């Protein structure tokens, strides 16, 4: 427990885990992607993960997003019980460990944007999401073994226009992947969630992107 608490409190700045670079600083706004273990064809995953240098990382993100939207693998996140559980896990520490700004849960991967808070390292936040949800998803599915791919992708948001663009990309992802016709149609997305919260009976303020 002591080691876990200490790791939560350490912001690592720029660092790498294997082939992926990460940037971890308090108050940084981060766009994060993590994916299921089987979400890419193994040969394609190896090509993406080992064939691109750090200075080509933006190309890696673009190629990865395109491949994930093809819906490879068992797509366990499409199960409403698992999608809801993952969504609730993202929301759980909102305003305690991070500020959750937007998210979408796709059939085989998750996109979200958070603002980091002082004292909570990005790697520990993502690990907490993945470990909690993996145990519960495996229980729902009646399976064992790895659920998520080990690492994750993060891109820090440079300014407000970048934030608006990144949020739109996240909310539009189900439409772009051919899963629905309108952003509000996708069940596990902050776009639909905030629209629901904005209804008169809710009287709750939604995060605004414009």
N, C-alpha and C. Protein backbone atom coordinates (compact mmCIF):
# COMPACT_ATOMS: atom_id res chain seq x y z
N UNK A 1 0.83 -1.21 0.00
CA UNK A 1 0.00 0.00 0.00
C UNK A 1 0.87 1.26 0.00
N UNK A 2 1.97 1.25 0.81
CA UNK A 2 2.84 2.41 0.86
C UNK A 2 3.43 2.71 -0.51
N UNK A 3 3.91 1.67 -1.22
CA UNK A 3 4.50 1.88 -2.54
C UNK A 3 3.48 2.44 -3.52
N UNK A 4 2.22 1.94 -3.42
CA UNK A 4 1.17 2.42 -4.31
C UNK A 4 0.89 3.89 -4.06
N UNK A 5 0.82 4.30 -2.79
CA UNK A 5 0.59 5.70 -2.46
C UNK A 5 1.73 6.57 -2.95
N UNK A 6 2.97 6.11 -2.74
CA UNK A 6 4.12 6.88 -3.19
C UNK A 6 4.11 7.05 -4.70
N UNK A 7 3.74 5.99 -5.45
CA UNK A 7 3.72 6.08 -6.90
C UNK A 7 2.65 7.04 -7.37
N UNK A 8 1.50 7.05 -6.69
CA UNK A 8 0.45 7.99 -7.04
C UNK A 8 0.94 9.43 -6.92
N UNK A 9 1.81 9.69 -5.96
CA UNK A 9 2.21 11.05 -5.66
C UNK A 9 3.34 11.55 -6.54
N UNK A 10 3.97 10.69 -7.33
CA UNK A 10 5.14 11.08 -8.10
C UNK A 10 4.74 11.37 -9.54
N UNK A 11 4.93 12.61 -9.97
CA UNK A 11 4.73 12.97 -11.37
C UNK A 11 6.07 12.78 -12.09
N UNK A 12 6.04 12.07 -13.20
CA UNK A 12 7.27 11.59 -13.83
C UNK A 12 7.79 12.47 -14.95
N UNK A 13 7.05 13.53 -15.31
CA UNK A 13 7.48 14.34 -16.44
C UNK A 13 7.48 13.52 -17.72
N UNK A 14 8.45 13.78 -18.60
CA UNK A 14 8.57 13.00 -19.83
C UNK A 14 9.29 11.70 -19.51
N UNK A 15 8.69 10.57 -19.91
CA UNK A 15 9.31 9.27 -19.68
C UNK A 15 8.78 8.28 -20.71
N UNK A 16 9.40 7.14 -20.81
CA UNK A 16 8.97 6.12 -21.74
C UNK A 16 8.76 4.80 -21.01
N UNK A 17 7.82 4.03 -21.54
CA UNK A 17 7.61 2.65 -21.09
C UNK A 17 7.69 1.79 -22.34
N UNK A 18 8.82 1.12 -22.52
CA UNK A 18 9.01 0.38 -23.77
C UNK A 18 9.20 1.36 -24.92
N UNK A 19 8.33 1.27 -25.92
CA UNK A 19 8.47 2.11 -27.11
C UNK A 19 7.65 3.38 -27.02
N UNK A 20 6.77 3.51 -26.04
CA UNK A 20 5.84 4.64 -26.01
C UNK A 20 6.32 5.75 -25.10
N UNK A 21 6.31 6.99 -25.59
CA UNK A 21 6.62 8.14 -24.72
C UNK A 21 5.38 8.58 -23.95
N UNK A 22 5.58 9.06 -22.74
CA UNK A 22 4.48 9.60 -21.93
C UNK A 22 4.93 10.92 -21.33
N UNK A 23 3.98 11.79 -21.05
CA UNK A 23 4.28 13.07 -20.41
C UNK A 23 3.32 13.24 -19.24
N UNK A 24 3.88 13.41 -18.06
CA UNK A 24 3.08 13.39 -16.83
C UNK A 24 3.41 14.62 -15.99
N UNK A 25 2.47 15.58 -15.93
CA UNK A 25 2.66 16.79 -15.14
C UNK A 25 1.32 17.20 -14.52
N UNK A 26 1.32 17.73 -13.29
CA UNK A 26 0.06 18.21 -12.70
C UNK A 26 -0.55 19.34 -13.51
N UNK A 27 -1.87 19.36 -13.57
CA UNK A 27 -2.69 20.35 -14.28
C UNK A 27 -2.68 20.18 -15.79
N UNK A 28 -1.90 19.24 -16.31
CA UNK A 28 -1.88 19.00 -17.74
C UNK A 28 -3.21 18.37 -18.17
N UNK A 29 -3.72 18.79 -19.33
CA UNK A 29 -4.90 18.16 -19.91
C UNK A 29 -4.42 17.11 -20.90
N UNK A 30 -4.88 15.88 -20.70
CA UNK A 30 -4.37 14.74 -21.45
C UNK A 30 -5.48 14.03 -22.20
N UNK A 31 -5.22 13.72 -23.46
CA UNK A 31 -6.08 12.83 -24.24
C UNK A 31 -5.48 11.43 -24.17
N UNK A 32 -6.24 10.47 -23.67
CA UNK A 32 -5.72 9.14 -23.35
C UNK A 32 -6.51 8.08 -24.13
N UNK A 33 -5.79 7.09 -24.64
CA UNK A 33 -6.41 5.94 -25.29
C UNK A 33 -5.84 4.67 -24.67
N UNK A 34 -6.71 3.75 -24.28
CA UNK A 34 -6.26 2.41 -23.91
C UNK A 34 -7.20 1.39 -24.54
N UNK A 35 -6.67 0.19 -24.80
CA UNK A 35 -7.39 -0.75 -25.65
C UNK A 35 -7.39 -2.16 -25.08
N UNK A 36 -8.32 -2.97 -25.58
CA UNK A 36 -8.38 -4.37 -25.17
C UNK A 36 -7.17 -5.14 -25.68
N UNK A 37 -6.87 -6.23 -25.00
CA UNK A 37 -5.70 -7.04 -25.33
C UNK A 37 -5.72 -7.52 -26.78
N UNK A 38 -6.90 -7.89 -27.29
CA UNK A 38 -6.98 -8.48 -28.62
C UNK A 38 -7.51 -7.51 -29.67
N UNK A 39 -7.36 -6.21 -29.43
CA UNK A 39 -8.00 -5.21 -30.29
C UNK A 39 -7.30 -4.97 -31.62
N UNK A 40 -6.10 -5.50 -31.78
CA UNK A 40 -5.37 -5.40 -33.04
C UNK A 40 -4.89 -6.77 -33.46
N UNK A 41 -4.86 -7.01 -34.77
CA UNK A 41 -4.23 -8.21 -35.28
C UNK A 41 -2.78 -8.25 -34.78
N UNK A 42 -2.31 -9.38 -34.25
CA UNK A 42 -0.96 -9.42 -33.66
C UNK A 42 0.15 -8.92 -34.57
N UNK A 43 0.11 -9.27 -35.83
CA UNK A 43 1.16 -8.81 -36.75
C UNK A 43 1.09 -7.30 -36.94
N UNK A 44 -0.13 -6.77 -36.99
CA UNK A 44 -0.30 -5.33 -37.15
C UNK A 44 0.13 -4.60 -35.88
N UNK A 45 -0.20 -5.17 -34.73
CA UNK A 45 0.20 -4.57 -33.46
C UNK A 45 1.72 -4.47 -33.36
N UNK A 46 2.41 -5.53 -33.74
CA UNK A 46 3.87 -5.52 -33.68
C UNK A 46 4.44 -4.46 -34.63
N UNK A 47 3.86 -4.39 -35.82
CA UNK A 47 4.32 -3.39 -36.80
C UNK A 47 4.16 -1.98 -36.27
N UNK A 48 3.01 -1.71 -35.67
CA UNK A 48 2.76 -0.37 -35.15
C UNK A 48 3.65 -0.06 -33.95
N UNK A 49 3.80 -1.04 -33.07
CA UNK A 49 4.49 -0.79 -31.81
C UNK A 49 6.01 -0.72 -31.94
N UNK A 50 6.56 -1.40 -32.95
CA UNK A 50 8.02 -1.47 -33.06
C UNK A 50 8.58 -0.84 -34.33
N UNK A 51 7.71 -0.48 -35.26
CA UNK A 51 8.21 0.02 -36.53
C UNK A 51 8.23 1.52 -36.66
N UNK A 52 7.81 2.22 -35.60
CA UNK A 52 7.73 3.68 -35.67
C UNK A 52 8.56 4.28 -34.54
N UNK A 53 9.40 5.24 -34.88
CA UNK A 53 10.25 5.89 -33.90
C UNK A 53 9.47 6.95 -33.12
N UNK A 54 10.07 7.38 -32.02
CA UNK A 54 9.41 8.36 -31.16
C UNK A 54 9.07 9.64 -31.91
N UNK A 55 9.92 10.07 -32.83
CA UNK A 55 9.65 11.31 -33.55
C UNK A 55 8.53 11.15 -34.58
N UNK A 56 8.03 9.92 -34.75
CA UNK A 56 6.91 9.67 -35.64
C UNK A 56 5.66 9.27 -34.86
N UNK A 57 5.61 9.63 -33.58
CA UNK A 57 4.56 9.14 -32.70
C UNK A 57 3.17 9.61 -33.13
N UNK A 58 3.06 10.80 -33.73
CA UNK A 58 1.76 11.27 -34.20
C UNK A 58 1.22 10.35 -35.29
N UNK A 59 2.12 9.87 -36.13
CA UNK A 59 1.72 8.90 -37.16
C UNK A 59 1.22 7.62 -36.52
N UNK A 60 1.89 7.19 -35.46
CA UNK A 60 1.47 5.99 -34.74
C UNK A 60 0.06 6.15 -34.20
N UNK A 61 -0.24 7.30 -33.59
CA UNK A 61 -1.57 7.53 -33.05
C UNK A 61 -2.62 7.43 -34.15
N UNK A 62 -2.36 8.05 -35.28
CA UNK A 62 -3.32 8.06 -36.38
C UNK A 62 -3.56 6.66 -36.91
N UNK A 63 -2.50 5.90 -37.11
CA UNK A 63 -2.63 4.54 -37.60
C UNK A 63 -3.35 3.66 -36.59
N UNK A 64 -3.03 3.83 -35.33
CA UNK A 64 -3.67 3.04 -34.28
C UNK A 64 -5.17 3.30 -34.25
N UNK A 65 -5.56 4.57 -34.27
CA UNK A 65 -6.98 4.90 -34.22
C UNK A 65 -7.73 4.29 -35.40
N UNK A 66 -7.14 4.37 -36.58
CA UNK A 66 -7.79 3.80 -37.77
C UNK A 66 -7.98 2.30 -37.61
N UNK A 67 -6.95 1.62 -37.10
CA UNK A 67 -7.04 0.17 -36.95
C UNK A 67 -8.02 -0.25 -35.87
N UNK A 68 -8.05 0.49 -34.77
CA UNK A 68 -8.98 0.15 -33.69
C UNK A 68 -10.43 0.26 -34.15
N UNK A 69 -10.70 1.23 -35.01
CA UNK A 69 -12.08 1.43 -35.47
C UNK A 69 -12.57 0.33 -36.41
N UNK A 70 -11.68 -0.57 -36.81
CA UNK A 70 -12.11 -1.71 -37.63
C UNK A 70 -12.81 -2.78 -36.80
N UNK A 71 -12.72 -2.67 -35.48
CA UNK A 71 -13.46 -3.59 -34.61
C UNK A 71 -12.86 -4.98 -34.52
N UNK A 72 -11.53 -5.07 -34.54
CA UNK A 72 -10.87 -6.37 -34.43
C UNK A 72 -11.04 -6.92 -33.01
N UNK A 73 -11.05 -8.23 -32.88
CA UNK A 73 -11.12 -8.86 -31.57
C UNK A 73 -12.55 -9.12 -31.12
N UNK A 74 -12.69 -9.51 -29.86
CA UNK A 74 -13.99 -9.90 -29.33
C UNK A 74 -14.85 -8.70 -28.92
N UNK A 75 -14.26 -7.51 -28.84
CA UNK A 75 -15.01 -6.27 -28.60
C UNK A 75 -15.91 -6.38 -27.35
N UNK A 76 -15.31 -6.79 -26.25
CA UNK A 76 -16.08 -7.00 -25.01
C UNK A 76 -16.74 -5.72 -24.49
N UNK A 77 -16.19 -4.56 -24.83
CA UNK A 77 -16.76 -3.31 -24.32
C UNK A 77 -18.11 -3.00 -24.94
N UNK A 78 -18.49 -3.72 -26.00
CA UNK A 78 -19.81 -3.53 -26.59
C UNK A 78 -20.91 -4.14 -25.74
N UNK A 79 -20.55 -5.02 -24.80
CA UNK A 79 -21.52 -5.57 -23.85
C UNK A 79 -21.97 -4.42 -22.94
N UNK A 80 -23.28 -4.10 -22.90
CA UNK A 80 -23.73 -2.95 -22.11
C UNK A 80 -23.34 -3.01 -20.64
N UNK A 81 -23.28 -4.21 -20.07
CA UNK A 81 -22.89 -4.33 -18.66
C UNK A 81 -21.44 -3.91 -18.47
N UNK A 82 -20.59 -4.27 -19.41
CA UNK A 82 -19.16 -3.91 -19.31
C UNK A 82 -18.95 -2.45 -19.68
N UNK A 83 -19.63 -1.98 -20.72
CA UNK A 83 -19.51 -0.57 -21.09
C UNK A 83 -19.91 0.35 -19.96
N UNK A 84 -21.03 0.04 -19.29
CA UNK A 84 -21.48 0.86 -18.17
C UNK A 84 -20.50 0.81 -17.02
N UNK A 85 -19.97 -0.36 -16.73
CA UNK A 85 -19.02 -0.50 -15.63
C UNK A 85 -17.75 0.30 -15.90
N UNK A 86 -17.24 0.27 -17.13
CA UNK A 86 -16.04 1.04 -17.47
C UNK A 86 -16.33 2.53 -17.39
N UNK A 87 -17.48 2.96 -17.88
CA UNK A 87 -17.86 4.37 -17.78
C UNK A 87 -17.90 4.84 -16.33
N UNK A 88 -18.49 4.04 -15.47
CA UNK A 88 -18.57 4.40 -14.05
C UNK A 88 -17.20 4.45 -13.40
N UNK A 89 -16.29 3.58 -13.85
CA UNK A 89 -14.92 3.60 -13.31
C UNK A 89 -14.22 4.90 -13.69
N UNK A 90 -14.40 5.37 -14.93
CA UNK A 90 -13.81 6.65 -15.33
C UNK A 90 -14.36 7.80 -14.50
N UNK A 91 -15.63 7.75 -14.18
CA UNK A 91 -16.29 8.84 -13.47
C UNK A 91 -15.98 8.83 -11.96
N UNK A 92 -15.54 7.70 -11.44
CA UNK A 92 -15.51 7.50 -9.99
C UNK A 92 -14.63 8.51 -9.26
N UNK A 93 -13.43 8.78 -9.77
CA UNK A 93 -12.51 9.68 -9.07
C UNK A 93 -12.47 11.08 -9.69
N UNK A 94 -13.52 11.41 -10.46
CA UNK A 94 -13.64 12.76 -11.01
C UNK A 94 -13.62 13.79 -9.87
N UNK A 95 -12.78 14.80 -10.02
CA UNK A 95 -12.59 15.88 -9.03
C UNK A 95 -11.90 15.41 -7.76
N UNK A 96 -11.41 14.18 -7.73
CA UNK A 96 -10.59 13.72 -6.61
C UNK A 96 -9.15 13.45 -7.06
N UNK A 97 -9.00 12.66 -8.13
CA UNK A 97 -7.66 12.37 -8.66
C UNK A 97 -7.40 13.06 -9.99
N UNK A 98 -8.46 13.44 -10.67
CA UNK A 98 -8.37 14.09 -11.98
C UNK A 98 -9.72 14.73 -12.26
N UNK A 99 -9.75 15.58 -13.27
CA UNK A 99 -11.02 16.13 -13.76
C UNK A 99 -11.33 15.45 -15.08
N UNK A 100 -12.41 14.70 -15.10
CA UNK A 100 -12.80 13.98 -16.30
C UNK A 100 -13.59 14.92 -17.19
N UNK A 101 -13.06 15.23 -18.37
CA UNK A 101 -13.66 16.21 -19.26
C UNK A 101 -14.55 15.58 -20.32
N UNK A 102 -14.11 14.49 -20.92
CA UNK A 102 -14.98 13.79 -21.87
C UNK A 102 -14.45 12.38 -22.08
N UNK A 103 -15.29 11.54 -22.67
CA UNK A 103 -14.91 10.14 -22.88
C UNK A 103 -15.81 9.52 -23.92
N UNK A 104 -15.35 8.40 -24.48
CA UNK A 104 -16.18 7.50 -25.26
C UNK A 104 -15.64 6.09 -25.06
N UNK A 105 -16.53 5.15 -24.90
CA UNK A 105 -16.16 3.75 -24.76
C UNK A 105 -16.57 3.03 -26.04
N UNK A 106 -15.60 2.68 -26.84
CA UNK A 106 -15.81 1.99 -28.10
C UNK A 106 -15.79 0.48 -27.85
N UNK A 107 -16.18 -0.33 -28.83
CA UNK A 107 -16.23 -1.78 -28.58
C UNK A 107 -14.92 -2.41 -28.14
N UNK A 108 -13.78 -1.87 -28.60
CA UNK A 108 -12.51 -2.49 -28.23
C UNK A 108 -11.47 -1.51 -27.68
N UNK A 109 -11.88 -0.28 -27.40
CA UNK A 109 -10.94 0.68 -26.83
C UNK A 109 -11.69 1.83 -26.16
N UNK A 110 -10.95 2.63 -25.41
CA UNK A 110 -11.51 3.76 -24.67
C UNK A 110 -10.70 5.01 -25.00
N UNK A 111 -11.40 6.11 -25.27
CA UNK A 111 -10.77 7.42 -25.36
C UNK A 111 -11.32 8.27 -24.22
N UNK A 112 -10.46 9.07 -23.61
CA UNK A 112 -10.95 10.04 -22.64
C UNK A 112 -9.99 11.22 -22.57
N UNK A 113 -10.49 12.33 -22.06
CA UNK A 113 -9.66 13.50 -21.79
C UNK A 113 -9.82 13.85 -20.32
N UNK A 114 -8.71 13.97 -19.64
CA UNK A 114 -8.73 14.35 -18.23
C UNK A 114 -7.77 15.52 -18.01
N UNK A 115 -8.00 16.25 -16.94
CA UNK A 115 -7.00 17.20 -16.46
C UNK A 115 -6.38 16.61 -15.21
N UNK A 116 -5.07 16.45 -15.24
CA UNK A 116 -4.39 15.86 -14.10
C UNK A 116 -4.44 16.78 -12.88
N UNK A 117 -4.42 16.17 -11.71
CA UNK A 117 -4.40 16.92 -10.46
C UNK A 117 -3.10 16.63 -9.72
N UNK A 118 -2.66 17.58 -8.94
CA UNK A 118 -1.41 17.45 -8.18
C UNK A 118 -1.47 16.21 -7.29
N UNK A 119 -0.38 15.41 -7.35
CA UNK A 119 -0.26 14.27 -6.46
C UNK A 119 -0.77 12.96 -7.01
N UNK A 120 -1.21 12.95 -8.28
CA UNK A 120 -1.73 11.71 -8.86
C UNK A 120 -1.09 11.49 -10.23
N UNK A 121 -0.16 10.55 -10.29
CA UNK A 121 0.58 10.28 -11.51
C UNK A 121 -0.34 9.67 -12.57
N UNK A 122 -0.11 10.03 -13.82
CA UNK A 122 -0.95 9.56 -14.90
C UNK A 122 -0.92 8.04 -15.01
N UNK A 123 0.26 7.45 -14.92
CA UNK A 123 0.37 5.99 -15.05
C UNK A 123 -0.43 5.27 -13.97
N UNK A 124 -0.45 5.82 -12.75
CA UNK A 124 -1.19 5.20 -11.66
C UNK A 124 -2.70 5.33 -11.87
N UNK A 125 -3.13 6.47 -12.43
CA UNK A 125 -4.55 6.66 -12.73
C UNK A 125 -5.02 5.63 -13.75
N UNK A 126 -4.27 5.49 -14.85
CA UNK A 126 -4.67 4.55 -15.89
C UNK A 126 -4.61 3.11 -15.37
N UNK A 127 -3.59 2.79 -14.60
CA UNK A 127 -3.49 1.44 -14.05
C UNK A 127 -4.68 1.13 -13.14
N UNK A 128 -5.11 2.12 -12.37
CA UNK A 128 -6.26 1.92 -11.48
C UNK A 128 -7.52 1.61 -12.29
N UNK A 129 -7.76 2.39 -13.35
CA UNK A 129 -8.91 2.11 -14.21
C UNK A 129 -8.85 0.68 -14.75
N UNK A 130 -7.69 0.32 -15.28
CA UNK A 130 -7.57 -0.95 -15.99
C UNK A 130 -7.63 -2.15 -15.04
N UNK A 131 -7.01 -2.06 -13.89
CA UNK A 131 -7.02 -3.19 -12.97
C UNK A 131 -8.41 -3.42 -12.40
N UNK A 132 -9.09 -2.34 -12.01
CA UNK A 132 -10.44 -2.45 -11.46
C UNK A 132 -11.40 -3.04 -12.48
N UNK A 133 -11.38 -2.50 -13.69
CA UNK A 133 -12.35 -2.94 -14.70
C UNK A 133 -12.02 -4.32 -15.24
N UNK A 134 -10.75 -4.69 -15.32
CA UNK A 134 -10.39 -6.01 -15.83
C UNK A 134 -10.95 -7.11 -14.94
N UNK A 135 -10.82 -6.95 -13.63
CA UNK A 135 -11.33 -7.96 -12.69
C UNK A 135 -12.84 -8.12 -12.85
N UNK A 136 -13.54 -7.00 -12.91
CA UNK A 136 -15.01 -7.07 -13.00
C UNK A 136 -15.49 -7.53 -14.36
N UNK A 137 -14.81 -7.12 -15.42
CA UNK A 137 -15.20 -7.58 -16.76
C UNK A 137 -14.98 -9.08 -16.90
N UNK A 138 -13.86 -9.58 -16.42
CA UNK A 138 -13.62 -11.02 -16.49
C UNK A 138 -14.67 -11.80 -15.71
N UNK A 139 -15.10 -11.24 -14.59
CA UNK A 139 -16.14 -11.89 -13.80
C UNK A 139 -17.46 -11.94 -14.59
N UNK A 140 -17.80 -10.84 -15.25
CA UNK A 140 -19.02 -10.79 -16.05
C UNK A 140 -18.95 -11.79 -17.20
N UNK A 141 -17.78 -11.88 -17.83
CA UNK A 141 -17.60 -12.74 -19.00
C UNK A 141 -17.34 -14.20 -18.65
N UNK A 142 -17.05 -14.47 -17.38
CA UNK A 142 -16.72 -15.82 -16.97
C UNK A 142 -15.40 -16.30 -17.56
N UNK A 143 -14.43 -15.40 -17.62
CA UNK A 143 -13.13 -15.74 -18.18
C UNK A 143 -12.03 -15.31 -17.23
N UNK A 144 -10.81 -15.65 -17.57
CA UNK A 144 -9.64 -15.18 -16.82
C UNK A 144 -8.57 -14.78 -17.83
N UNK A 145 -7.51 -14.15 -17.34
CA UNK A 145 -6.42 -13.74 -18.20
C UNK A 145 -6.45 -12.26 -18.50
N UNK A 146 -5.45 -11.78 -19.26
CA UNK A 146 -5.35 -10.35 -19.56
C UNK A 146 -6.59 -9.84 -20.29
N UNK A 147 -7.02 -8.67 -19.90
CA UNK A 147 -8.19 -8.03 -20.51
C UNK A 147 -7.77 -6.83 -21.35
N UNK A 148 -6.91 -5.98 -20.79
CA UNK A 148 -6.42 -4.79 -21.47
C UNK A 148 -5.01 -5.01 -21.99
N UNK A 149 -4.66 -4.32 -23.06
CA UNK A 149 -3.27 -4.21 -23.50
C UNK A 149 -2.49 -3.46 -22.42
N UNK A 150 -1.23 -3.83 -22.22
CA UNK A 150 -0.47 -3.32 -21.08
C UNK A 150 -0.32 -1.81 -21.06
N UNK A 151 0.06 -1.21 -22.15
CA UNK A 151 0.39 0.21 -22.13
C UNK A 151 -0.81 1.06 -22.53
N UNK A 152 -0.60 2.35 -22.67
CA UNK A 152 -1.64 3.29 -23.07
C UNK A 152 -0.99 4.41 -23.86
N UNK A 153 -1.82 5.18 -24.55
CA UNK A 153 -1.33 6.32 -25.32
C UNK A 153 -1.84 7.61 -24.68
N UNK A 154 -0.99 8.59 -24.58
CA UNK A 154 -1.42 9.90 -24.07
C UNK A 154 -0.85 11.00 -24.94
N UNK A 155 -1.65 12.04 -25.14
CA UNK A 155 -1.24 13.24 -25.87
C UNK A 155 -1.71 14.44 -25.08
N UNK A 156 -0.80 15.33 -24.71
CA UNK A 156 -1.24 16.47 -23.92
C UNK A 156 -1.90 17.50 -24.83
N UNK A 157 -2.93 18.15 -24.29
CA UNK A 157 -3.73 19.12 -25.04
C UNK A 157 -3.06 20.49 -24.91
N UNK A 158 -2.76 21.09 -26.05
CA UNK A 158 -1.91 22.29 -26.06
C UNK A 158 -2.68 23.56 -25.68
N UNK A 159 -3.93 23.67 -26.14
CA UNK A 159 -4.69 24.91 -25.94
C UNK A 159 -6.17 24.60 -26.10
N UNK A 160 -7.00 25.64 -26.00
CA UNK A 160 -8.44 25.42 -26.04
C UNK A 160 -8.92 24.89 -27.39
N UNK A 161 -8.36 25.40 -28.49
CA UNK A 161 -8.79 24.92 -29.80
C UNK A 161 -8.43 23.44 -29.98
N UNK A 162 -7.27 23.05 -29.45
CA UNK A 162 -6.89 21.63 -29.48
C UNK A 162 -7.87 20.81 -28.65
N UNK A 163 -8.29 21.34 -27.51
CA UNK A 163 -9.25 20.64 -26.65
C UNK A 163 -10.57 20.44 -27.37
N UNK A 164 -11.06 21.49 -28.02
CA UNK A 164 -12.33 21.39 -28.75
C UNK A 164 -12.22 20.33 -29.85
N UNK A 165 -11.10 20.36 -30.59
CA UNK A 165 -10.89 19.40 -31.67
C UNK A 165 -10.80 17.97 -31.13
N UNK A 166 -10.05 17.77 -30.04
CA UNK A 166 -9.89 16.43 -29.47
C UNK A 166 -11.22 15.91 -28.91
N UNK A 167 -11.99 16.78 -28.27
CA UNK A 167 -13.29 16.38 -27.73
C UNK A 167 -14.25 15.99 -28.85
N UNK A 168 -14.24 16.77 -29.93
CA UNK A 168 -15.11 16.44 -31.06
C UNK A 168 -14.71 15.10 -31.66
N UNK A 169 -13.40 14.87 -31.81
CA UNK A 169 -12.94 13.59 -32.35
C UNK A 169 -13.45 12.43 -31.49
N UNK A 170 -13.34 12.57 -30.17
CA UNK A 170 -13.78 11.52 -29.27
C UNK A 170 -15.29 11.27 -29.41
N UNK A 171 -16.06 12.34 -29.40
CA UNK A 171 -17.52 12.20 -29.47
C UNK A 171 -17.98 11.68 -30.83
N UNK A 172 -17.23 12.01 -31.89
CA UNK A 172 -17.62 11.60 -33.23
C UNK A 172 -17.12 10.20 -33.58
N UNK A 173 -16.25 9.64 -32.77
CA UNK A 173 -15.62 8.36 -33.08
C UNK A 173 -16.63 7.24 -33.39
N UNK A 174 -17.72 7.07 -32.62
CA UNK A 174 -18.68 6.01 -32.97
C UNK A 174 -19.34 6.24 -34.33
N UNK A 175 -19.58 7.49 -34.70
CA UNK A 175 -20.16 7.79 -36.01
C UNK A 175 -19.14 7.46 -37.11
N UNK A 176 -17.90 7.89 -36.91
CA UNK A 176 -16.85 7.65 -37.90
C UNK A 176 -16.60 6.15 -38.11
N UNK A 177 -16.78 5.36 -37.04
CA UNK A 177 -16.57 3.92 -37.12
C UNK A 177 -17.79 3.18 -37.66
N UNK A 178 -18.86 3.91 -37.97
CA UNK A 178 -20.06 3.30 -38.53
C UNK A 178 -20.94 2.59 -37.52
N UNK A 179 -20.81 2.97 -36.25
CA UNK A 179 -21.57 2.30 -35.19
C UNK A 179 -22.93 2.96 -34.93
N UNK A 180 -23.07 4.22 -35.32
CA UNK A 180 -24.32 4.95 -35.14
C UNK A 180 -24.34 6.12 -36.13
N UNK A 181 -25.47 6.79 -36.22
CA UNK A 181 -25.61 7.89 -37.17
C UNK A 181 -25.32 9.25 -36.56
N UNK A 182 -25.58 9.39 -35.26
CA UNK A 182 -25.41 10.67 -34.59
C UNK A 182 -24.64 10.48 -33.29
N UNK A 183 -23.89 11.50 -32.90
CA UNK A 183 -23.08 11.39 -31.69
C UNK A 183 -23.91 11.07 -30.46
N UNK A 184 -25.12 11.64 -30.39
CA UNK A 184 -25.95 11.41 -29.20
C UNK A 184 -26.54 10.00 -29.15
N UNK A 185 -26.40 9.23 -30.25
CA UNK A 185 -26.96 7.88 -30.28
C UNK A 185 -26.10 6.88 -29.52
N UNK A 186 -24.82 7.21 -29.32
CA UNK A 186 -23.91 6.24 -28.69
C UNK A 186 -24.07 6.29 -27.18
N UNK A 187 -24.34 5.13 -26.58
CA UNK A 187 -24.74 5.08 -25.18
C UNK A 187 -23.62 5.48 -24.22
N UNK A 188 -22.40 5.03 -24.48
CA UNK A 188 -21.33 5.23 -23.51
C UNK A 188 -20.36 6.31 -24.00
N UNK A 189 -20.82 7.54 -23.90
CA UNK A 189 -20.08 8.71 -24.37
C UNK A 189 -20.49 9.90 -23.52
N UNK A 190 -19.56 10.79 -23.28
CA UNK A 190 -19.90 11.99 -22.51
C UNK A 190 -20.81 12.91 -23.29
N UNK A 191 -20.84 12.81 -24.61
CA UNK A 191 -21.74 13.66 -25.39
C UNK A 191 -23.19 13.38 -25.01
N UNK A 192 -23.60 12.12 -25.07
CA UNK A 192 -24.95 11.77 -24.68
C UNK A 192 -25.19 11.97 -23.19
N UNK A 193 -24.17 11.67 -22.39
CA UNK A 193 -24.30 11.80 -20.93
C UNK A 193 -24.57 13.24 -20.54
N UNK A 194 -23.79 14.17 -21.09
CA UNK A 194 -23.98 15.57 -20.73
C UNK A 194 -25.29 16.14 -21.27
N UNK A 195 -25.69 15.67 -22.44
CA UNK A 195 -26.99 16.09 -22.96
C UNK A 195 -28.11 15.66 -22.02
N UNK A 196 -28.00 14.45 -21.50
CA UNK A 196 -29.00 13.95 -20.56
C UNK A 196 -28.99 14.76 -19.27
N UNK A 197 -27.79 15.07 -18.78
CA UNK A 197 -27.68 15.86 -17.55
C UNK A 197 -28.22 17.28 -17.74
N UNK A 198 -28.20 17.76 -18.97
CA UNK A 198 -28.65 19.12 -19.27
C UNK A 198 -30.18 19.25 -19.38
N UNK A 199 -30.87 18.13 -19.39
CA UNK A 199 -32.33 18.21 -19.48
C UNK A 199 -32.87 18.98 -18.28
N UNK A 200 -34.00 19.65 -18.41
CA UNK A 200 -34.52 20.51 -17.34
C UNK A 200 -34.66 19.83 -16.00
N UNK A 201 -35.01 18.56 -16.00
CA UNK A 201 -35.21 17.90 -14.71
C UNK A 201 -33.90 17.68 -13.96
N UNK A 202 -32.75 17.72 -14.73
CA UNK A 202 -31.48 17.43 -14.08
C UNK A 202 -30.94 18.61 -13.30
N UNK A 203 -31.04 19.82 -13.90
CA UNK A 203 -30.52 21.03 -13.26
C UNK A 203 -29.04 20.91 -12.90
N UNK A 204 -28.29 20.21 -13.76
CA UNK A 204 -26.86 20.08 -13.51
C UNK A 204 -26.11 20.64 -14.71
N UNK A 205 -24.99 21.30 -14.46
CA UNK A 205 -24.22 21.94 -15.52
C UNK A 205 -23.29 20.91 -16.18
N UNK A 206 -23.26 20.93 -17.49
CA UNK A 206 -22.37 20.07 -18.25
C UNK A 206 -21.08 20.81 -18.58
N UNK A 207 -20.00 20.05 -18.81
CA UNK A 207 -18.76 20.64 -19.28
C UNK A 207 -18.97 21.15 -20.70
N UNK A 208 -18.54 22.34 -20.97
CA UNK A 208 -18.74 22.96 -22.27
C UNK A 208 -17.46 22.93 -23.09
N UNK A 209 -17.58 22.68 -24.39
CA UNK A 209 -16.43 22.65 -25.28
C UNK A 209 -16.39 23.89 -26.16
N UNK A 210 -17.33 24.80 -26.02
CA UNK A 210 -17.32 26.01 -26.86
C UNK A 210 -17.86 27.18 -26.05
